[in-house]
Amino acid sequence: MEFEVELTDQAEEQLLNLDKASQKKVIKDIEKFKALGKNAVDSRDLDKNLYEIRSNNIRSIYTYKNNRMIIIGLIFMKKSQKTPKRYIIQAKKNLELI
């Protein structure tokens, strides 16, 4: 199943602010998701209609649109065990889910 992937302006800026090695890892995981779906990457549910792709210590928060496209709303470097609520709220705002 081939997915389309779109990044919000905020997520694109956050991706560009990562170091080159982290950018490559995130892009590699996004490409695997595009080609093979959610089960091809380390992904988990965060909230209603909100999920994350885990690329080592980098998280990409996304949602689905029309079951064929994912929209990444936030990319950040994780520093704690649990995804902080403020990142979930910010991703929802970026994705206009609130």
C-alpha atoms as a PDB file:
ATOM      1  CA  MET A   1       0.000   0.000   0.000  1.00  0.00           C
ATOM      2  CA  GLU A   2       1.534   3.281  -1.111  1.00  0.00           C
ATOM      3  CA  PHE A   3       0.911   6.326   1.093  1.00  0.00           C
ATOM      4  CA  GLU A   4       1.359   9.964   0.238  1.00  0.00           C
ATOM      5  CA  VAL A   5       3.187  12.007   2.854  1.00  0.00           C
ATOM      6  CA  GLU A   6       2.841  15.707   3.495  1.00  0.00           C
ATOM      7  CA  LEU A   7       4.629  17.768   6.132  1.00  0.00           C
ATOM      8  CA  THR A   8       3.172  20.877   7.688  1.00  0.00           C
ATOM      9  CA  ASP A   9       5.325  23.992   7.380  1.00  0.00           C
ATOM     10  CA  GLN A  10       6.258  23.591  11.052  1.00  0.00           C
ATOM     11  CA  ALA A  11       7.307  19.951  10.615  1.00  0.00           C
ATOM     12  CA  GLU A  12       9.364  20.793   7.535  1.00  0.00           C
ATOM     13  CA  GLU A  13      11.188  23.532   9.442  1.00  0.00           C
ATOM     14  CA  GLN A  14      11.762  21.196  12.406  1.00  0.00           C
ATOM     15  CA  LEU A  15      13.155  18.520  10.091  1.00  0.00           C
ATOM     16  CA  LEU A  16      15.582  21.004   8.547  1.00  0.00           C
ATOM     17  CA  ASN A  17      16.734  22.066  12.027  1.00  0.00           C
ATOM     18  CA  LEU A  18      17.855  18.505  12.881  1.00  0.00           C
ATOM     19  CA  ASP A  19      21.450  17.450  12.319  1.00  0.00           C
ATOM     20  CA  LYS A  20      22.121  15.654   9.011  1.00  0.00           C
ATOM     21  CA  ALA A  21      22.256  12.152  10.533  1.00  0.00           C
ATOM     22  CA  SER A  22      18.901  12.633  12.284  1.00  0.00           C
ATOM     23  CA  GLN A  23      17.366  14.074   9.101  1.00  0.00           C
ATOM     24  CA  LYS A  24      18.469  10.993   7.158  1.00  0.00           C
ATOM     25  CA  LYS A  25      16.978   8.629   9.763  1.00  0.00           C
ATOM     26  CA  VAL A  26      13.634  10.469   9.817  1.00  0.00           C
ATOM     27  CA  ILE A  27      13.461  10.624   6.018  1.00  0.00           C
ATOM     28  CA  LYS A  28      14.356   6.917   5.763  1.00  0.00           C
ATOM     29  CA  ASP A  29      11.523   6.006   8.160  1.00  0.00           C
ATOM     30  CA  ILE A  30       9.055   8.247   6.313  1.00  0.00           C
ATOM     31  CA  GLU A  31      10.029   6.585   3.016  1.00  0.00           C
ATOM     32  CA  LYS A  32       9.544   3.112   4.563  1.00  0.00           C
ATOM     33  CA  PHE A  33       6.117   4.211   5.830  1.00  0.00           C
ATOM     34  CA  LYS A  34       5.200   5.542   2.376  1.00  0.00           C
ATOM     35  CA  ALA A  35       6.041   2.255   0.699  1.00  0.00           C
ATOM     36  CA  LEU A  36       5.009  -0.333   3.285  1.00  0.00           C
ATOM     37  CA  GLY A  37       2.713   1.330   5.820  1.00  0.00           C
ATOM     38  CA  LYS A  38       2.617   1.715   9.579  1.00  0.00           C
ATOM     39  CA  ASN A  39       3.950  -1.753  10.377  1.00  0.00           C
ATOM     40  CA  ALA A  40       7.220  -1.089   8.518  1.00  0.00           C
ATOM     41  CA  VAL A  41       8.360   1.499  11.082  1.00  0.00           C
ATOM     42  CA  ASP A  42       8.354   1.847  14.854  1.00  0.00           C
ATOM     43  CA  SER A  43       4.991   3.571  15.257  1.00  0.00           C
ATOM     44  CA  ARG A  44       2.445   3.883  18.033  1.00  0.00           C
ATOM     45  CA  ASP A  45      -0.876   5.535  18.852  1.00  0.00           C
ATOM     46  CA  LEU A  46      -0.704   8.748  20.895  1.00  0.00           C
ATOM     47  CA  ASP A  47      -4.250  10.055  20.994  1.00  0.00           C
ATOM     48  CA  LYS A  48      -7.435   9.889  18.952  1.00  0.00           C
ATOM     49  CA  ASN A  49      -6.341  10.143  15.282  1.00  0.00           C
ATOM     50  CA  LEU A  50      -2.779  11.004  16.322  1.00  0.00           C
ATOM     51  CA  TYR A  51       0.240   8.717  15.989  1.00  0.00           C
ATOM     52  CA  GLU A  52       4.020   8.893  16.157  1.00  0.00           C
ATOM     53  CA  ILE A  53       6.855   7.425  14.148  1.00  0.00           C
ATOM     54  CA  ARG A  54       9.840   6.712  16.363  1.00  0.00           C
ATOM     55  CA  SER A  55      13.228   7.212  14.704  1.00  0.00           C
ATOM     56  CA  ASN A  56      15.687   6.571  17.531  1.00  0.00           C
ATOM     57  CA  ASN A  57      15.163   9.618  19.781  1.00  0.00           C
ATOM     58  CA  ILE A  58      13.332  11.648  17.112  1.00  0.00           C
ATOM     59  CA  ARG A  59       9.537  11.617  16.991  1.00  0.00           C
ATOM     60  CA  SER A  60       7.332  12.518  14.024  1.00  0.00           C
ATOM     61  CA  ILE A  61       3.714  13.045  15.032  1.00  0.00           C
ATOM     62  CA  TYR A  62       1.188  12.424  12.253  1.00  0.00           C
ATOM     63  CA  THR A  63      -2.430  11.791  11.359  1.00  0.00           C
ATOM     64  CA  TYR A  64      -4.172  10.087   8.451  1.00  0.00           C
ATOM     65  CA  LYS A  65      -6.205  11.826   5.760  1.00  0.00           C
ATOM     66  CA  ASN A  66      -8.473   9.794   3.465  1.00  0.00           C
ATOM     67  CA  ASN A  67      -6.694   6.574   4.596  1.00  0.00           C
ATOM     68  CA  ARG A  68      -4.051   7.093   1.880  1.00  0.00           C
ATOM     69  CA  MET A  69      -2.114  10.114   3.077  1.00  0.00           C
ATOM     70  CA  ILE A  70      -0.310  10.884   6.268  1.00  0.00           C
ATOM     71  CA  ILE A  71       0.317  14.427   7.365  1.00  0.00           C
ATOM     72  CA  ILE A  72       3.234  14.993   9.698  1.00  0.00           C
ATOM     73  CA  GLY A  73       2.501  17.868  12.027  1.00  0.00           C
ATOM     74  CA  LEU A  74       5.473  17.933  14.381  1.00  0.00           C
ATOM     75  CA  ILE A  75       9.014  16.560  14.528  1.00  0.00           C
ATOM     76  CA  PHE A  76      11.016  16.794  17.742  1.00  0.00           C
ATOM     77  CA  MET A  77      13.888  15.245  19.670  1.00  0.00           C
ATOM     78  CA  LYS A  78      12.525  13.243  22.565  1.00  0.00           C
ATOM     79  CA  LYS A  79      14.244  13.624  25.921  1.00  0.00           C
ATOM     80  CA  SER A  80      11.862  11.811  28.280  1.00  0.00           C
ATOM     81  CA  GLN A  81      10.214   8.391  28.465  1.00  0.00           C
ATOM     82  CA  LYS A  82       6.690   9.600  27.688  1.00  0.00           C
ATOM     83  CA  THR A  83       5.771  12.018  24.894  1.00  0.00           C
ATOM     84  CA  PRO A  84       5.078  15.329  26.666  1.00  0.00           C
ATOM     85  CA  LYS A  85       1.476  16.544  26.440  1.00  0.00           C
ATOM     86  CA  ARG A  86       2.641  19.922  25.087  1.00  0.00           C
ATOM     87  CA  TYR A  87       3.974  18.191  21.952  1.00  0.00           C
ATOM     88  CA  ILE A  88       0.658  16.421  21.425  1.00  0.00           C
ATOM     89  CA  ILE A  89      -1.210  19.731  21.809  1.00  0.00           C
ATOM     90  CA  GLN A  90       1.191  21.496  19.425  1.00  0.00           C
ATOM     91  CA  ALA A  91       0.865  18.704  16.834  1.00  0.00           C
ATOM     92  CA  LYS A  92      -2.931  18.932  17.017  1.00  0.00           C
ATOM     93  CA  LYS A  93      -2.748  22.683  16.455  1.00  0.00           C
ATOM     94  CA  ASN A  94      -0.392  22.240  13.531  1.00  0.00           C
ATOM     95  CA  LEU A  95      -2.707  19.594  12.076  1.00  0.00           C
ATOM     96  CA  GLU A  96      -5.826  21.600  12.955  1.00  0.00           C
ATOM     97  CA  LEU A  97      -7.297  18.714  14.975  1.00  0.00           C
ATOM     98  CA  ILE A  98      -8.345  20.828  17.941  1.00  0.00           C
END
